[in-house]
Amino acid sequence: MTKTLSAVAALSILVVAPAARAQWAVVDVGAIAQLVKQVATLEQQLTTARNQLNQTQLEFQSMTGGRGMDTLLAGTV
């Protein structure tokens, strides 16, 4: 009987107790360092993509520009 009473008392204390709240902010330094590396990698990828786009636009202009090169491709399709 005392075990049951003790168990009920312990359970009621746990149910009535307020929820615990964290009091200290947690900073994950490793995650921040990884984020900085990812941002640098994404910046390099963006620069590469812009360079590829510029090169492709230049190639397209050279084929369809004012020199008449577009007439060479007219009969191929």
PDB file of N, CA and C in Angstrom:
ATOM      1  N   MET A   1       0.815  -1.187   0.000  1.00  0.00           N
ATOM      2  CA  MET A   1       0.000   0.000   0.000  1.00  0.00           C
ATOM      3  C   MET A   1       0.866   1.260   0.000  1.00  0.00           C
ATOM      4  N   THR A   2       1.966   1.231   0.729  1.00  0.00           N
ATOM      5  CA  THR A   2       2.825   2.409   0.775  1.00  0.00           C
ATOM      6  C   THR A   2       3.543   2.627  -0.558  1.00  0.00           C
ATOM      7  N   LYS A   3       3.849   1.537  -1.276  1.00  0.00           N
ATOM      8  CA  LYS A   3       4.469   1.688  -2.596  1.00  0.00           C
ATOM      9  C   LYS A   3       3.500   2.349  -3.564  1.00  0.00           C
ATOM     10  N   THR A   4       2.253   1.931  -3.515  1.00  0.00           N
ATOM     11  CA  THR A   4       1.242   2.512  -4.392  1.00  0.00           C
ATOM     12  C   THR A   4       1.023   3.976  -4.040  1.00  0.00           C
ATOM     13  N   LEU A   5       0.950   4.269  -2.770  1.00  0.00           N
ATOM     14  CA  LEU A   5       0.755   5.644  -2.326  1.00  0.00           C
ATOM     15  C   LEU A   5       1.950   6.511  -2.715  1.00  0.00           C
ATOM     16  N   SER A   6       3.148   5.971  -2.602  1.00  0.00           N
ATOM     17  CA  SER A   6       4.352   6.708  -2.990  1.00  0.00           C
ATOM     18  C   SER A   6       4.373   6.956  -4.493  1.00  0.00           C
ATOM     19  N   ALA A   7       3.979   5.961  -5.273  1.00  0.00           N
ATOM     20  CA  ALA A   7       3.950   6.110  -6.723  1.00  0.00           C
ATOM     21  C   ALA A   7       2.928   7.156  -7.140  1.00  0.00           C
ATOM     22  N   VAL A   8       1.757   7.139  -6.526  1.00  0.00           N
ATOM     23  CA  VAL A   8       0.718   8.129  -6.838  1.00  0.00           C
ATOM     24  C   VAL A   8       1.186   9.523  -6.444  1.00  0.00           C
ATOM     25  N   ALA A   9       1.840   9.647  -5.319  1.00  0.00           N
ATOM     26  CA  ALA A   9       2.345  10.945  -4.870  1.00  0.00           C
ATOM     27  C   ALA A   9       3.418  11.468  -5.824  1.00  0.00           C
ATOM     28  N   ALA A  10       4.328  10.614  -6.240  1.00  0.00           N
ATOM     29  CA  ALA A  10       5.383  11.023  -7.165  1.00  0.00           C
ATOM     30  C   ALA A  10       4.802  11.427  -8.513  1.00  0.00           C
ATOM     31  N   LEU A  11       3.826  10.674  -8.995  1.00  0.00           N
ATOM     32  CA  LEU A  11       3.192  10.984 -10.269  1.00  0.00           C
ATOM     33  C   LEU A  11       2.445  12.304 -10.199  1.00  0.00           C
ATOM     34  N   SER A  12       1.758  12.550  -9.102  1.00  0.00           N
ATOM     35  CA  SER A  12       1.015  13.805  -8.974  1.00  0.00           C
ATOM     36  C   SER A  12       1.961  14.999  -8.888  1.00  0.00           C
ATOM     37  N   ILE A  13       3.111  14.827  -8.266  1.00  0.00           N
ATOM     38  CA  ILE A  13       4.096  15.914  -8.210  1.00  0.00           C
ATOM     39  C   ILE A  13       4.628  16.214  -9.606  1.00  0.00           C
ATOM     40  N   LEU A  14       4.884  15.180 -10.392  1.00  0.00           N
ATOM     41  CA  LEU A  14       5.382  15.384 -11.753  1.00  0.00           C
ATOM     42  C   LEU A  14       4.343  16.062 -12.635  1.00  0.00           C
ATOM     43  N   VAL A  15       3.082  15.721 -12.447  1.00  0.00           N
ATOM     44  CA  VAL A  15       2.020  16.301 -13.267  1.00  0.00           C
ATOM     45  C   VAL A  15       1.800  17.761 -12.900  1.00  0.00           C
ATOM     46  N   VAL A  16       1.884  18.084 -11.624  1.00  0.00           N
ATOM     47  CA  VAL A  16       1.607  19.436 -11.144  1.00  0.00           C
ATOM     48  C   VAL A  16       2.795  20.371 -11.375  1.00  0.00           C
ATOM     49  N   ALA A  17       3.992  19.855 -11.453  1.00  0.00           N
ATOM     50  CA  ALA A  17       5.194  20.684 -11.585  1.00  0.00           C
ATOM     51  C   ALA A  17       5.154  21.453 -12.906  1.00  0.00           C
ATOM     52  N   PRO A  18       5.578  22.717 -12.887  1.00  0.00           N
ATOM     53  CA  PRO A  18       5.590  23.504 -14.125  1.00  0.00           C
ATOM     54  C   PRO A  18       6.663  22.994 -15.082  1.00  0.00           C
ATOM     55  N   ALA A  19       6.459  23.303 -16.352  1.00  0.00           N
ATOM     56  CA  ALA A  19       7.415  22.876 -17.372  1.00  0.00           C
ATOM     57  C   ALA A  19       8.732  23.625 -17.186  1.00  0.00           C
ATOM     58  N   ALA A  20       9.825  22.938 -17.415  1.00  0.00           N
ATOM     59  CA  ALA A  20      11.145  23.551 -17.290  1.00  0.00           C
ATOM     60  C   ALA A  20      11.430  24.397 -18.524  1.00  0.00           C
ATOM     61  N   ARG A  21      12.079  25.511 -18.310  1.00  0.00           N
ATOM     62  CA  ARG A  21      12.429  26.395 -19.423  1.00  0.00           C
ATOM     63  C   ARG A  21      13.936  26.633 -19.382  1.00  0.00           C
ATOM     64  N   ALA A  22      14.532  26.632 -20.540  1.00  0.00           N
ATOM     65  CA  ALA A  22      15.974  26.865 -20.615  1.00  0.00           C
ATOM     66  C   ALA A  22      16.269  28.323 -20.273  1.00  0.00           C
ATOM     67  N   GLN A  23      17.324  28.530 -19.542  1.00  0.00           N
ATOM     68  CA  GLN A  23      17.675  29.876 -19.111  1.00  0.00           C
ATOM     69  C   GLN A  23      18.886  30.435 -19.855  1.00  0.00           C
ATOM     70  N   TRP A  24      19.616  29.595 -20.557  1.00  0.00           N
ATOM     71  CA  TRP A  24      20.820  30.027 -21.243  1.00  0.00           C
ATOM     72  C   TRP A  24      20.687  29.767 -22.728  1.00  0.00           C
ATOM     73  N   ALA A  25      21.093  30.726 -23.524  1.00  0.00           N
ATOM     74  CA  ALA A  25      21.109  30.534 -24.969  1.00  0.00           C
ATOM     75  C   ALA A  25      22.276  29.617 -25.322  1.00  0.00           C
ATOM     76  N   VAL A  26      22.046  28.741 -26.273  1.00  0.00           N
ATOM     77  CA  VAL A  26      23.073  27.799 -26.700  1.00  0.00           C
ATOM     78  C   VAL A  26      23.555  28.211 -28.085  1.00  0.00           C
ATOM     79  N   VAL A  27      24.855  28.349 -28.235  1.00  0.00           N
ATOM     80  CA  VAL A  27      25.450  28.722 -29.511  1.00  0.00           C
ATOM     81  C   VAL A  27      26.284  27.547 -29.995  1.00  0.00           C
ATOM     82  N   ASP A  28      25.961  27.065 -31.184  1.00  0.00           N
ATOM     83  CA  ASP A  28      26.695  25.946 -31.768  1.00  0.00           C
ATOM     84  C   ASP A  28      27.762  26.515 -32.702  1.00  0.00           C
ATOM     85  N   VAL A  29      28.970  26.640 -32.194  1.00  0.00           N
ATOM     86  CA  VAL A  29      30.062  27.253 -32.946  1.00  0.00           C
ATOM     87  C   VAL A  29      30.400  26.432 -34.182  1.00  0.00           C
ATOM     88  N   GLY A  30      30.363  25.123 -34.067  1.00  0.00           N
ATOM     89  CA  GLY A  30      30.661  24.263 -35.216  1.00  0.00           C
ATOM     90  C   GLY A  30      29.670  24.465 -36.345  1.00  0.00           C
ATOM     91  N   ALA A  31      28.395  24.626 -36.007  1.00  0.00           N
ATOM     92  CA  ALA A  31      27.375  24.847 -37.031  1.00  0.00           C
ATOM     93  C   ALA A  31      27.565  26.200 -37.704  1.00  0.00           C
ATOM     94  N   ILE A  32      27.963  27.201 -36.943  1.00  0.00           N
ATOM     95  CA  ILE A  32      28.201  28.524 -37.522  1.00  0.00           C
ATOM     96  C   ILE A  32      29.401  28.482 -38.466  1.00  0.00           C
ATOM     97  N   ALA A  33      30.448  27.783 -38.085  1.00  0.00           N
ATOM     98  CA  ALA A  33      31.623  27.651 -38.954  1.00  0.00           C
ATOM     99  C   ALA A  33      31.262  26.921 -40.240  1.00  0.00           C
ATOM    100  N   GLN A  34      30.454  25.877 -40.136  1.00  0.00           N
ATOM    101  CA  GLN A  34      30.015  25.140 -41.322  1.00  0.00           C
ATOM    102  C   GLN A  34      29.168  26.033 -42.216  1.00  0.00           C
ATOM    103  N   LEU A  35      28.318  26.861 -41.627  1.00  0.00           N
ATOM    104  CA  LEU A  35      27.482  27.774 -42.398  1.00  0.00           C
ATOM    105  C   LEU A  35      28.333  28.781 -43.161  1.00  0.00           C
ATOM    106  N   VAL A  36      29.388  29.284 -42.534  1.00  0.00           N
ATOM    107  CA  VAL A  36      30.282  30.230 -43.203  1.00  0.00           C
ATOM    108  C   VAL A  36      30.952  29.565 -44.402  1.00  0.00           C
ATOM    109  N   LYS A  37      31.378  28.317 -44.246  1.00  0.00           N
ATOM    110  CA  LYS A  37      31.991  27.587 -45.362  1.00  0.00           C
ATOM    111  C   LYS A  37      30.993  27.378 -46.489  1.00  0.00           C
ATOM    112  N   GLN A  38      29.753  27.044 -46.144  1.00  0.00           N
ATOM    113  CA  GLN A  38      28.728  26.820 -47.159  1.00  0.00           C
ATOM    114  C   GLN A  38      28.414  28.103 -47.915  1.00  0.00           C
ATOM    115  N   VAL A  39      28.382  29.225 -47.213  1.00  0.00           N
ATOM    116  CA  VAL A  39      28.118  30.504 -47.876  1.00  0.00           C
ATOM    117  C   VAL A  39      29.249  30.835 -48.845  1.00  0.00           C
ATOM    118  N   ALA A  40      30.488  30.590 -48.453  1.00  0.00           N
ATOM    119  CA  ALA A  40      31.625  30.845 -49.342  1.00  0.00           C
ATOM    120  C   ALA A  40      31.555  29.950 -50.575  1.00  0.00           C
ATOM    121  N   THR A  41      31.194  28.692 -50.386  1.00  0.00           N
ATOM    122  CA  THR A  41      31.060  27.773 -51.516  1.00  0.00           C
ATOM    123  C   THR A  41      29.941  28.212 -52.447  1.00  0.00           C
ATOM    124  N   LEU A  42      28.814  28.611 -51.889  1.00  0.00           N
ATOM    125  CA  LEU A  42      27.700  29.079 -52.716  1.00  0.00           C
ATOM    126  C   LEU A  42      28.065  30.345 -53.478  1.00  0.00           C
ATOM    127  N   GLU A  43      28.863  31.211 -52.863  1.00  0.00           N
ATOM    128  CA  GLU A  43      29.308  32.427 -53.545  1.00  0.00           C
ATOM    129  C   GLU A  43      30.187  32.082 -54.748  1.00  0.00           C
ATOM    130  N   GLN A  44      31.080  31.113 -54.579  1.00  0.00           N
ATOM    131  CA  GLN A  44      31.924  30.673 -55.695  1.00  0.00           C
ATOM    132  C   GLN A  44      31.081  30.047 -56.798  1.00  0.00           C
ATOM    133  N   GLN A  45      30.094  29.250 -56.427  1.00  0.00           N
ATOM    134  CA  GLN A  45      29.231  28.620 -57.419  1.00  0.00           C
ATOM    135  C   GLN A  45      28.430  29.665 -58.183  1.00  0.00           C
ATOM    136  N   LEU A  46      27.970  30.692 -57.494  1.00  0.00           N
ATOM    137  CA  LEU A  46      27.218  31.753 -58.148  1.00  0.00           C
ATOM    138  C   LEU A  46      28.097  32.522 -59.126  1.00  0.00           C
ATOM    139  N   THR A  47      29.332  32.796 -58.740  1.00  0.00           N
ATOM    140  CA  THR A  47      30.268  33.476 -59.631  1.00  0.00           C
ATOM    141  C   THR A  47      30.541  32.634 -60.869  1.00  0.00           C
ATOM    142  N   THR A  48      30.729  31.338 -60.689  1.00  0.00           N
ATOM    143  CA  THR A  48      30.952  30.439 -61.823  1.00  0.00           C
ATOM    144  C   THR A  48      29.740  30.406 -62.740  1.00  0.00           C
ATOM    145  N   ALA A  49      28.551  30.355 -62.172  1.00  0.00           N
ATOM    146  CA  ALA A  49      27.332  30.328 -62.984  1.00  0.00           C
ATOM    147  C   ALA A  49      27.172  31.624 -63.772  1.00  0.00           C
ATOM    148  N   ARG A  50      27.493  32.764 -63.157  1.00  0.00           N
ATOM    149  CA  ARG A  50      27.417  34.045 -63.879  1.00  0.00           C
ATOM    150  C   ARG A  50      28.413  34.078 -65.034  1.00  0.00           C
ATOM    151  N   ASN A  51      29.625  33.594 -64.790  1.00  0.00           N
ATOM    152  CA  ASN A  51      30.629  33.557 -65.856  1.00  0.00           C
ATOM    153  C   ASN A  51      30.186  32.657 -67.002  1.00  0.00           C
ATOM    154  N   GLN A  52      29.598  31.508 -66.684  1.00  0.00           N
ATOM    155  CA  GLN A  52      29.106  30.608 -67.727  1.00  0.00           C
ATOM    156  C   GLN A  52      27.980  31.258 -68.517  1.00  0.00           C
ATOM    157  N   LEU A  53      27.085  31.969 -67.828  1.00  0.00           N
ATOM    158  CA  LEU A  53      25.994  32.653 -68.514  1.00  0.00           C
ATOM    159  C   LEU A  53      26.530  33.729 -69.446  1.00  0.00           C
ATOM    160  N   ASN A  54      27.490  34.514 -68.979  1.00  0.00           N
ATOM    161  CA  ASN A  54      28.085  35.549 -69.832  1.00  0.00           C
ATOM    162  C   ASN A  54      28.756  34.940 -71.053  1.00  0.00           C
ATOM    163  N   GLN A  55      29.496  33.850 -70.860  1.00  0.00           N
ATOM    164  CA  GLN A  55      30.165  33.192 -71.982  1.00  0.00           C
ATOM    165  C   GLN A  55      29.153  32.654 -72.979  1.00  0.00           C
ATOM    166  N   THR A  56      28.075  32.060 -72.485  1.00  0.00           N
ATOM    167  CA  THR A  56      27.038  31.524 -73.366  1.00  0.00           C
ATOM    168  C   THR A  56      26.358  32.640 -74.140  1.00  0.00           C
ATOM    169  N   GLN A  57      26.106  33.772 -73.481  1.00  0.00           N
ATOM    170  CA  GLN A  57      25.496  34.904 -74.179  1.00  0.00           C
ATOM    171  C   GLN A  57      26.421  35.436 -75.268  1.00  0.00           C
ATOM    172  N   LEU A  58      27.714  35.498 -74.984  1.00  0.00           N
ATOM    173  CA  LEU A  58      28.671  35.946 -75.998  1.00  0.00           C
ATOM    174  C   LEU A  58      28.704  34.988 -77.186  1.00  0.00           C
ATOM    175  N   GLU A  59      28.670  33.698 -76.917  1.00  0.00           N
ATOM    176  CA  GLU A  59      28.664  32.717 -77.998  1.00  0.00           C
ATOM    177  C   GLU A  59      27.390  32.832 -78.827  1.00  0.00           C
ATOM    178  N   PHE A  60      26.265  33.040 -78.172  1.00  0.00           N
ATOM    179  CA  PHE A  60      25.004  33.189 -78.887  1.00  0.00           C
ATOM    180  C   PHE A  60      25.026  34.449 -79.750  1.00  0.00           C
ATOM    181  N   GLN A  61      25.553  35.549 -79.213  1.00  0.00           N
ATOM    182  CA  GLN A  61      25.640  36.785 -79.989  1.00  0.00           C
ATOM    183  C   GLN A  61      26.586  36.630 -81.173  1.00  0.00           C
ATOM    184  N   SER A  62      27.632  35.849 -81.011  1.00  0.00           N
ATOM    185  CA  SER A  62      28.558  35.658 -82.122  1.00  0.00           C
ATOM    186  C   SER A  62      27.918  34.849 -83.242  1.00  0.00           C
ATOM    187  N   MET A  63      26.956  33.973 -82.890  1.00  0.00           N
ATOM    188  CA  MET A  63      26.285  33.187 -83.930  1.00  0.00           C
ATOM    189  C   MET A  63      25.131  33.943 -84.575  1.00  0.00           C
ATOM    190  N   THR A  64      24.516  34.862 -83.847  1.00  0.00           N
ATOM    191  CA  THR A  64      23.333  35.545 -84.378  1.00  0.00           C
ATOM    192  C   THR A  64      23.562  37.040 -84.530  1.00  0.00           C
ATOM    193  N   GLY A  65      24.782  37.500 -84.447  1.00  0.00           N
ATOM    194  CA  GLY A  65      25.088  38.929 -84.488  1.00  0.00           C
ATOM    195  C   GLY A  65      24.978  39.511 -85.896  1.00  0.00           C
ATOM    196  N   GLY A  66      25.504  40.724 -86.048  1.00  0.00           N
ATOM    197  CA  GLY A  66      25.395  41.465 -87.296  1.00  0.00           C
ATOM    198  C   GLY A  66      26.350  41.024 -88.384  1.00  0.00           C
ATOM    199  N   ARG A  67      27.109  39.957 -88.196  1.00  0.00           N
ATOM    200  CA  ARG A  67      28.066  39.518 -89.217  1.00  0.00           C
ATOM    201  C   ARG A  67      27.447  38.556 -90.212  1.00  0.00           C
ATOM    202  N   GLY A  68      26.189  38.171 -90.001  1.00  0.00           N
ATOM    203  CA  GLY A  68      25.538  37.264 -90.931  1.00  0.00           C
ATOM    204  C   GLY A  68      25.811  35.800 -90.666  1.00  0.00           C
ATOM    205  N   MET A  69      26.348  35.463 -89.512  1.00  0.00           N
ATOM    206  CA  MET A  69      26.639  34.068 -89.201  1.00  0.00           C
ATOM    207  C   MET A  69      25.364  33.250 -89.022  1.00  0.00           C
ATOM    208  N   ASP A  70      24.240  33.923 -88.710  1.00  0.00           N
ATOM    209  CA  ASP A  70      22.996  33.193 -88.523  1.00  0.00           C
ATOM    210  C   ASP A  70      22.507  32.569 -89.820  1.00  0.00           C
ATOM    211  N   THR A  71      22.926  33.105 -90.952  1.00  0.00           N
ATOM    212  CA  THR A  71      22.505  32.523 -92.233  1.00  0.00           C
ATOM    213  C   THR A  71      23.195  31.186 -92.486  1.00  0.00           C
ATOM    214  N   LEU A  72      24.348  30.961 -91.883  1.00  0.00           N
ATOM    215  CA  LEU A  72      25.030  29.681 -92.040  1.00  0.00           C
ATOM    216  C   LEU A  72      24.258  28.558 -91.355  1.00  0.00           C
ATOM    217  N   LEU A  73      23.572  28.875 -90.275  1.00  0.00           N
ATOM    218  CA  LEU A  73      22.832  27.871 -89.529  1.00  0.00           C
ATOM    219  C   LEU A  73      21.408  27.691 -90.036  1.00  0.00           C
ATOM    220  N   ALA A  74      20.955  28.530 -90.946  1.00  0.00           N
ATOM    221  CA  ALA A  74      19.561  28.493 -91.382  1.00  0.00           C
ATOM    222  C   ALA A  74      19.209  27.176 -92.073  1.00  0.00           C
ATOM    223  N   GLY A  75      20.100  26.593 -92.820  1.00  0.00           N
ATOM    224  CA  GLY A  75      19.780  25.378 -93.554  1.00  0.00           C
ATOM    225  C   GLY A  75      20.080  24.089 -92.819  1.00  0.00           C
ATOM    226  N   THR A  76      20.571  24.146 -91.620  1.00  0.00           N
ATOM    227  CA  THR A  76      20.969  22.925 -90.920  1.00  0.00           C
ATOM    228  C   THR A  76      19.832  22.262 -90.172  1.00  0.00           C
ATOM    229  N   VAL A  77      18.778  22.970 -89.871  1.00  0.00           N
ATOM    230  CA  VAL A  77      17.688  22.382 -89.085  1.00  0.00           C
ATOM    231  C   VAL A  77      16.577  21.912 -89.981  1.00  0.00           C
TER     232      VAL A  77
END
